[in-house]
Amino acid sequence: MSEPPYDPFDWARAEANRLRQLSRDQSVVGEPGYPRLATKAKPRLAAALDFLRRNDGGGEFYRLANDGDKSKMAEQYLLDVADVLDQYVAAVESGMASSLPYEVRARVDAATDLMEQVALLLNERDVHPGAPIMLAGAALEAALRSLWEQAGSPSLAGKPGINSYSTALQTAGKLDRQDAKDVTAWSGLRNDAAHGHFDLLDAPRARLMADGINLFMQRRAPRG
């Protein structure tokens, strides 16, 4: 029997409850004061903070949990972190915070920024099409990696890169055959630019690649 899919919000709620249970166990929390948390409690607290770091990034929820009042009783600090976990889940479910892990959001933002630069380069007459093609390839790789990370980082065949991400995503059912075919074609153009095969590149191909990647990102890039 296969295991149920991992739900980060279910985990966060359960973790908040575990922290509250720990706060009532004096053999776990030890003496008053955050630095005196017993060894048994520290992994639970570390897991909660790592969840917020990864999902909220440098946001306010992570700062509230990580920079709490450490002069409080140890059990009160555990209760405070549990409350922050619950507040984060409630904020995401109400649409007030992002449900995407910070790393995924950062890569999507980076890919979007790169494609904006591609558009600028395509309008510069003195810029060789190889330049926007290289940047578009970098944006594509960032977008694919964000999809790969959101899919749970399935196994890669070979080194991380456009084609290995595409293959892993297709195997995981996250890309269809046409997507994979388009990605292969864009990867080929990027490789031509990277290896100096400039005679194979021109402005129409660069624009077609940019338009295709922009559409791909609109349809496939993680959102939340």
C-alpha atoms as a PDB file:
ATOM      1  CA  MET A   1       0.000   0.000   0.000  1.00  0.00           C
ATOM      2  CA  SER A   2       1.440   3.367  -1.010  1.00  0.00           C
ATOM      3  CA  GLU A   3       1.902   6.090   1.579  1.00  0.00           C
ATOM      4  CA  PRO A   4      -0.435   9.113   1.458  1.00  0.00           C
ATOM      5  CA  PRO A   5       1.107  12.189  -0.193  1.00  0.00           C
ATOM      6  CA  TYR A   6       3.002  14.550   2.075  1.00  0.00           C
ATOM      7  CA  ASP A   7       0.956  17.610   3.005  1.00  0.00           C
ATOM      8  CA  PRO A   8       3.161  20.341   4.510  1.00  0.00           C
ATOM      9  CA  PHE A   9       0.231  22.015   6.242  1.00  0.00           C
ATOM     10  CA  ASP A  10      -0.893  18.782   7.901  1.00  0.00           C
ATOM     11  CA  TRP A  11       2.694  18.317   9.073  1.00  0.00           C
ATOM     12  CA  ALA A  12       2.850  21.887  10.438  1.00  0.00           C
ATOM     13  CA  ARG A  13      -0.394  21.451  12.371  1.00  0.00           C
ATOM     14  CA  ALA A  14       0.798  18.140  13.805  1.00  0.00           C
ATOM     15  CA  GLU A  15       4.170  19.664  14.678  1.00  0.00           C
ATOM     16  CA  ALA A  16       2.459  22.513  16.525  1.00  0.00           C
ATOM     17  CA  ASN A  17       0.557  19.938  18.582  1.00  0.00           C
ATOM     18  CA  ARG A  18       3.775  18.013  19.293  1.00  0.00           C
ATOM     19  CA  LEU A  19       5.454  21.200  20.537  1.00  0.00           C
ATOM     20  CA  ARG A  20       2.512  21.896  22.835  1.00  0.00           C
ATOM     21  CA  GLN A  21       2.742  18.388  24.249  1.00  0.00           C
ATOM     22  CA  LEU A  22       6.467  18.885  24.848  1.00  0.00           C
ATOM     23  CA  SER A  23       5.775  22.158  26.648  1.00  0.00           C
ATOM     24  CA  ARG A  24       3.862  20.193  29.318  1.00  0.00           C
ATOM     25  CA  ASP A  25       6.622  17.616  29.844  1.00  0.00           C
ATOM     26  CA  GLN A  26       9.048  18.969  32.438  1.00  0.00           C
ATOM     27  CA  SER A  27      11.460  16.102  31.834  1.00  0.00           C
ATOM     28  CA  VAL A  28      11.830  17.392  28.275  1.00  0.00           C
ATOM     29  CA  VAL A  29      11.889  21.161  28.612  1.00  0.00           C
ATOM     30  CA  GLY A  30      14.174  21.131  31.633  1.00  0.00           C
ATOM     31  CA  GLU A  31      14.882  24.309  33.581  1.00  0.00           C
ATOM     32  CA  PRO A  32      13.494  27.760  32.789  1.00  0.00           C
ATOM     33  CA  GLY A  33      15.046  29.595  29.869  1.00  0.00           C
ATOM     34  CA  TYR A  34      15.371  28.796  26.161  1.00  0.00           C
ATOM     35  CA  PRO A  35      19.067  27.780  26.284  1.00  0.00           C
ATOM     36  CA  ARG A  36      18.224  25.038  28.764  1.00  0.00           C
ATOM     37  CA  LEU A  37      15.879  23.110  26.491  1.00  0.00           C
ATOM     38  CA  ALA A  38      16.512  19.437  27.067  1.00  0.00           C
ATOM     39  CA  THR A  39      18.229  17.545  24.265  1.00  0.00           C
ATOM     40  CA  LYS A  40      15.069  15.596  23.459  1.00  0.00           C
ATOM     41  CA  ALA A  41      13.149  18.800  22.678  1.00  0.00           C
ATOM     42  CA  LYS A  42      15.745  20.418  20.424  1.00  0.00           C
ATOM     43  CA  PRO A  43      15.131  18.244  17.294  1.00  0.00           C
ATOM     44  CA  ARG A  44      11.412  19.060  17.404  1.00  0.00           C
ATOM     45  CA  LEU A  45      12.106  22.770  17.701  1.00  0.00           C
ATOM     46  CA  ALA A  46      14.734  22.593  14.940  1.00  0.00           C
ATOM     47  CA  ALA A  47      12.277  20.839  12.604  1.00  0.00           C
ATOM     48  CA  ALA A  48       9.665  23.550  13.155  1.00  0.00           C
ATOM     49  CA  LEU A  49      12.147  26.362  12.550  1.00  0.00           C
ATOM     50  CA  ASP A  50      13.526  24.651   9.428  1.00  0.00           C
ATOM     51  CA  PHE A  51       9.996  24.268   8.041  1.00  0.00           C
ATOM     52  CA  LEU A  52       9.368  27.992   8.471  1.00  0.00           C
ATOM     53  CA  ARG A  53      12.795  28.899   7.084  1.00  0.00           C
ATOM     54  CA  ARG A  54      12.214  26.864   3.933  1.00  0.00           C
ATOM     55  CA  ASN A  55       8.620  27.899   3.362  1.00  0.00           C
ATOM     56  CA  ASP A  56       8.500  31.442   4.669  1.00  0.00           C
ATOM     57  CA  GLY A  57      12.087  32.280   3.717  1.00  0.00           C
ATOM     58  CA  GLY A  58      13.182  35.420   5.500  1.00  0.00           C
ATOM     59  CA  GLY A  59       9.581  36.352   6.223  1.00  0.00           C
ATOM     60  CA  GLU A  60       7.924  37.590   9.355  1.00  0.00           C
ATOM     61  CA  PHE A  61       6.675  34.174  10.493  1.00  0.00           C
ATOM     62  CA  TYR A  62      10.187  32.727  10.481  1.00  0.00           C
ATOM     63  CA  ARG A  63      11.559  35.780  12.303  1.00  0.00           C
ATOM     64  CA  LEU A  64       8.828  35.565  14.929  1.00  0.00           C
ATOM     65  CA  ALA A  65       9.668  31.936  15.626  1.00  0.00           C
ATOM     66  CA  ASN A  66      13.437  32.203  15.413  1.00  0.00           C
ATOM     67  CA  ASP A  67      13.821  35.500  17.277  1.00  0.00           C
ATOM     68  CA  GLY A  68      11.301  34.866  20.000  1.00  0.00           C
ATOM     69  CA  ASP A  69      11.791  36.064  23.559  1.00  0.00           C
ATOM     70  CA  LYS A  70      14.408  33.589  24.732  1.00  0.00           C
ATOM     71  CA  SER A  71      14.259  34.920  28.272  1.00  0.00           C
ATOM     72  CA  LYS A  72      10.895  33.201  28.705  1.00  0.00           C
ATOM     73  CA  MET A  73      10.392  29.850  30.301  1.00  0.00           C
ATOM     74  CA  ALA A  74      11.441  27.114  27.888  1.00  0.00           C
ATOM     75  CA  GLU A  75       7.912  25.730  27.752  1.00  0.00           C
ATOM     76  CA  GLN A  76       6.525  29.138  26.802  1.00  0.00           C
ATOM     77  CA  TYR A  77       9.013  29.404  23.927  1.00  0.00           C
ATOM     78  CA  LEU A  78       7.790  26.044  22.582  1.00  0.00           C
ATOM     79  CA  LEU A  79       4.203  27.284  22.811  1.00  0.00           C
ATOM     80  CA  ASP A  80       5.113  30.476  20.959  1.00  0.00           C
ATOM     81  CA  VAL A  81       6.681  28.537  18.072  1.00  0.00           C
ATOM     82  CA  ALA A  82       3.634  26.258  17.929  1.00  0.00           C
ATOM     83  CA  ASP A  83       1.409  29.334  17.643  1.00  0.00           C
ATOM     84  CA  VAL A  84       3.544  30.719  14.814  1.00  0.00           C
ATOM     85  CA  LEU A  85       3.204  27.435  12.892  1.00  0.00           C
ATOM     86  CA  ASP A  86      -0.571  27.581  13.195  1.00  0.00           C
ATOM     87  CA  GLN A  87      -0.608  31.260  12.195  1.00  0.00           C
ATOM     88  CA  TYR A  88       1.522  30.557   9.120  1.00  0.00           C
ATOM     89  CA  VAL A  89      -0.804  27.776   7.924  1.00  0.00           C
ATOM     90  CA  ALA A  90      -3.846  29.988   8.508  1.00  0.00           C
ATOM     91  CA  ALA A  91      -2.236  32.837   6.553  1.00  0.00           C
ATOM     92  CA  VAL A  92      -1.442  30.605   3.579  1.00  0.00           C
ATOM     93  CA  GLU A  93      -4.897  29.047   3.524  1.00  0.00           C
ATOM     94  CA  SER A  94      -6.504  32.490   3.620  1.00  0.00           C
ATOM     95  CA  GLY A  95      -4.358  33.657   0.692  1.00  0.00           C
ATOM     96  CA  MET A  96      -2.318  36.098   2.763  1.00  0.00           C
ATOM     97  CA  ALA A  97       0.977  34.205   2.381  1.00  0.00           C
ATOM     98  CA  SER A  98       2.631  32.058  -0.263  1.00  0.00           C
ATOM     99  CA  SER A  99       2.290  28.270  -0.137  1.00  0.00           C
ATOM    100  CA  LEU A 100       5.470  27.778  -2.171  1.00  0.00           C
ATOM    101  CA  PRO A 101       8.754  27.014  -0.437  1.00  0.00           C
ATOM    102  CA  TYR A 102      11.126  29.968  -0.420  1.00  0.00           C
ATOM    103  CA  GLU A 103      13.696  28.284  -2.692  1.00  0.00           C
ATOM    104  CA  VAL A 104      11.024  27.569  -5.309  1.00  0.00           C
ATOM    105  CA  ARG A 105       9.673  31.117  -5.196  1.00  0.00           C
ATOM    106  CA  ALA A 106      13.191  32.516  -5.510  1.00  0.00           C
ATOM    107  CA  ARG A 107      13.910  30.473  -8.644  1.00  0.00           C
ATOM    108  CA  VAL A 108      10.615  31.456 -10.252  1.00  0.00           C
ATOM    109  CA  ASP A 109      11.367  35.117  -9.534  1.00  0.00           C
ATOM    110  CA  ALA A 110      14.888  34.729 -10.943  1.00  0.00           C
ATOM    111  CA  ALA A 111      13.554  33.119 -14.132  1.00  0.00           C
ATOM    112  CA  THR A 112      11.034  35.948 -14.565  1.00  0.00           C
ATOM    113  CA  ASP A 113      13.743  38.584 -14.099  1.00  0.00           C
ATOM    114  CA  LEU A 114      15.960  36.860 -16.665  1.00  0.00           C
ATOM    115  CA  MET A 115      13.172  36.783 -19.238  1.00  0.00           C
ATOM    116  CA  GLU A 116      12.645  40.517 -18.746  1.00  0.00           C
ATOM    117  CA  GLN A 117      16.326  41.002 -19.584  1.00  0.00           C
ATOM    118  CA  VAL A 118      15.896  38.762 -22.620  1.00  0.00           C
ATOM    119  CA  ALA A 119      13.115  41.029 -23.896  1.00  0.00           C
ATOM    120  CA  LEU A 120      15.371  44.063 -23.540  1.00  0.00           C
ATOM    121  CA  LEU A 121      18.248  42.384 -25.389  1.00  0.00           C
ATOM    122  CA  LEU A 122      15.993  41.294 -28.242  1.00  0.00           C
ATOM    123  CA  ASN A 123      15.180  44.948 -28.884  1.00  0.00           C
ATOM    124  CA  GLU A 124      18.853  45.963 -29.080  1.00  0.00           C
ATOM    125  CA  ARG A 125      19.999  45.918 -32.697  1.00  0.00           C
ATOM    126  CA  ASP A 126      23.686  45.672 -31.809  1.00  0.00           C
ATOM    127  CA  VAL A 127      23.263  42.614 -29.559  1.00  0.00           C
ATOM    128  CA  HIS A 128      23.966  39.223 -31.123  1.00  0.00           C
ATOM    129  CA  PRO A 129      21.010  36.801 -30.719  1.00  0.00           C
ATOM    130  CA  GLY A 130      23.327  34.430 -28.876  1.00  0.00           C
ATOM    131  CA  ALA A 131      23.153  36.687 -25.804  1.00  0.00           C
ATOM    132  CA  PRO A 132      19.364  36.580 -25.260  1.00  0.00           C
ATOM    133  CA  ILE A 133      19.395  32.880 -26.131  1.00  0.00           C
ATOM    134  CA  MET A 134      21.908  32.215 -23.342  1.00  0.00           C
ATOM    135  CA  LEU A 135      19.846  34.206 -20.842  1.00  0.00           C
ATOM    136  CA  ALA A 136      16.629  32.511 -21.930  1.00  0.00           C
ATOM    137  CA  GLY A 137      18.328  29.160 -21.407  1.00  0.00           C
ATOM    138  CA  ALA A 138      19.304  30.197 -17.881  1.00  0.00           C
ATOM    139  CA  ALA A 139      15.714  31.260 -17.188  1.00  0.00           C
ATOM    140  CA  LEU A 140      14.425  27.949 -18.518  1.00  0.00           C
ATOM    141  CA  GLU A 141      16.800  25.999 -16.281  1.00  0.00           C
ATOM    142  CA  ALA A 142      15.699  28.005 -13.224  1.00  0.00           C
ATOM    143  CA  ALA A 143      12.029  27.431 -14.071  1.00  0.00           C
ATOM    144  CA  LEU A 144      12.569  23.707 -14.576  1.00  0.00           C
ATOM    145  CA  ARG A 145      14.466  23.409 -11.322  1.00  0.00           C
ATOM    146  CA  SER A 146      11.623  25.141  -9.468  1.00  0.00           C
ATOM    147  CA  LEU A 147       9.206  22.592 -10.952  1.00  0.00           C
ATOM    148  CA  TRP A 148      11.577  19.773 -10.031  1.00  0.00           C
ATOM    149  CA  GLU A 149      11.882  20.977  -6.442  1.00  0.00           C
ATOM    150  CA  GLN A 150       8.117  21.416  -6.141  1.00  0.00           C
ATOM    151  CA  ALA A 151       7.677  17.848  -7.427  1.00  0.00           C
ATOM    152  CA  GLY A 152       9.788  16.528  -4.558  1.00  0.00           C
ATOM    153  CA  SER A 153      13.174  16.495  -6.337  1.00  0.00           C
ATOM    154  CA  PRO A 154      12.755  13.185  -8.214  1.00  0.00           C
ATOM    155  CA  SER A 155      15.904  11.303  -9.208  1.00  0.00           C
ATOM    156  CA  LEU A 156      18.001  12.844 -11.969  1.00  0.00           C
ATOM    157  CA  ALA A 157      19.785  10.901 -14.698  1.00  0.00           C
ATOM    158  CA  GLY A 158      23.120  12.695 -14.841  1.00  0.00           C
ATOM    159  CA  LYS A 159      24.143  16.153 -13.701  1.00  0.00           C
ATOM    160  CA  PRO A 160      21.509  18.806 -12.940  1.00  0.00           C
ATOM    161  CA  GLY A 161      20.600  20.709 -16.095  1.00  0.00           C
ATOM    162  CA  ILE A 162      17.820  21.505 -18.525  1.00  0.00           C
ATOM    163  CA  ASN A 163      17.566  18.067 -20.077  1.00  0.00           C
ATOM    164  CA  SER A 164      17.956  16.084 -16.839  1.00  0.00           C
ATOM    165  CA  TYR A 165      15.280  18.168 -15.106  1.00  0.00           C
ATOM    166  CA  SER A 166      12.993  17.766 -18.108  1.00  0.00           C
ATOM    167  CA  THR A 167      13.435  13.989 -18.188  1.00  0.00           C
ATOM    168  CA  ALA A 168      12.814  13.652 -14.448  1.00  0.00           C
ATOM    169  CA  LEU A 169       9.710  15.829 -14.653  1.00  0.00           C
ATOM    170  CA  GLN A 170       8.319  13.913 -17.614  1.00  0.00           C
ATOM    171  CA  THR A 171       8.896  10.623 -15.784  1.00  0.00           C
ATOM    172  CA  ALA A 172       7.104  12.065 -12.754  1.00  0.00           C
ATOM    173  CA  GLY A 173       4.165  13.106 -14.925  1.00  0.00           C
ATOM    174  CA  LYS A 174       4.782  16.834 -14.461  1.00  0.00           C
ATOM    175  CA  LEU A 175       5.615  17.566 -18.116  1.00  0.00           C
ATOM    176  CA  ASP A 176       3.852  16.187 -21.164  1.00  0.00           C
ATOM    177  CA  ARG A 177       5.547  14.973 -24.331  1.00  0.00           C
ATOM    178  CA  GLN A 178       5.129  18.276 -26.181  1.00  0.00           C
ATOM    179  CA  ASP A 179       6.628  20.224 -23.267  1.00  0.00           C
ATOM    180  CA  ALA A 180       9.619  17.901 -23.220  1.00  0.00           C
ATOM    181  CA  LYS A 181      10.038  18.230 -26.990  1.00  0.00           C
ATOM    182  CA  ASP A 182       9.992  22.034 -26.742  1.00  0.00           C
ATOM    183  CA  VAL A 183      12.488  22.000 -23.879  1.00  0.00           C
ATOM    184  CA  THR A 184      14.844  19.805 -25.921  1.00  0.00           C
ATOM    185  CA  ALA A 185      14.698  22.255 -28.822  1.00  0.00           C
ATOM    186  CA  TRP A 186      15.372  25.256 -26.565  1.00  0.00           C
ATOM    187  CA  SER A 187      18.207  23.404 -24.893  1.00  0.00           C
ATOM    188  CA  GLY A 188      19.748  22.779 -28.313  1.00  0.00           C
ATOM    189  CA  LEU A 189      19.681  26.505 -29.123  1.00  0.00           C
ATOM    190  CA  ARG A 190      21.207  27.347 -25.749  1.00  0.00           C
ATOM    191  CA  ASN A 191      23.979  24.809 -26.359  1.00  0.00           C
ATOM    192  CA  ASP A 192      24.679  26.252 -29.815  1.00  0.00           C
ATOM    193  CA  ALA A 193      25.107  29.679 -28.236  1.00  0.00           C
ATOM    194  CA  ALA A 194      27.250  28.303 -25.405  1.00  0.00           C
ATOM    195  CA  HIS A 195      29.591  26.532 -27.855  1.00  0.00           C
ATOM    196  CA  GLY A 196      29.922  29.504 -30.194  1.00  0.00           C
ATOM    197  CA  HIS A 197      27.925  28.075 -33.109  1.00  0.00           C
ATOM    198  CA  PHE A 198      26.695  31.560 -33.945  1.00  0.00           C
ATOM    199  CA  ASP A 199      26.099  30.771 -37.608  1.00  0.00           C
ATOM    200  CA  LEU A 200      23.159  28.602 -36.481  1.00  0.00           C
ATOM    201  CA  LEU A 201      21.519  31.434 -34.546  1.00  0.00           C
ATOM    202  CA  ASP A 202      19.471  34.401 -35.660  1.00  0.00           C
ATOM    203  CA  ALA A 203      17.013  36.925 -34.234  1.00  0.00           C
ATOM    204  CA  PRO A 204      13.838  35.081 -35.337  1.00  0.00           C
ATOM    205  CA  ARG A 205      15.004  31.901 -33.576  1.00  0.00           C
ATOM    206  CA  ALA A 206      15.857  33.883 -30.454  1.00  0.00           C
ATOM    207  CA  ARG A 207      12.429  35.548 -30.398  1.00  0.00           C
ATOM    208  CA  LEU A 208      10.654  32.258 -31.011  1.00  0.00           C
ATOM    209  CA  MET A 209      12.589  30.680 -28.146  1.00  0.00           C
ATOM    210  CA  ALA A 210      11.804  33.595 -25.814  1.00  0.00           C
ATOM    211  CA  ASP A 211       8.100  33.545 -26.695  1.00  0.00           C
ATOM    212  CA  GLY A 212       7.948  29.799 -26.148  1.00  0.00           C
ATOM    213  CA  ILE A 213       9.699  29.922 -22.774  1.00  0.00           C
ATOM    214  CA  ASN A 214       7.493  32.789 -21.601  1.00  0.00           C
ATOM    215  CA  LEU A 215       4.388  30.778 -22.513  1.00  0.00           C
ATOM    216  CA  PHE A 216       5.844  27.661 -20.880  1.00  0.00           C
ATOM    217  CA  MET A 217       6.504  29.581 -17.660  1.00  0.00           C
ATOM    218  CA  GLN A 218       2.998  31.052 -17.652  1.00  0.00           C
ATOM    219  CA  ARG A 219       1.514  27.577 -17.926  1.00  0.00           C
ATOM    220  CA  ARG A 220       3.920  25.545 -15.839  1.00  0.00           C
ATOM    221  CA  ALA A 221       5.832  27.712 -13.363  1.00  0.00           C
ATOM    222  CA  PRO A 222       4.856  27.033  -9.706  1.00  0.00           C
ATOM    223  CA  ARG A 223       2.495  29.607  -8.245  1.00  0.00           C
ATOM    224  CA  GLY A 224       1.230  30.275  -4.795  1.00  0.00           C
END
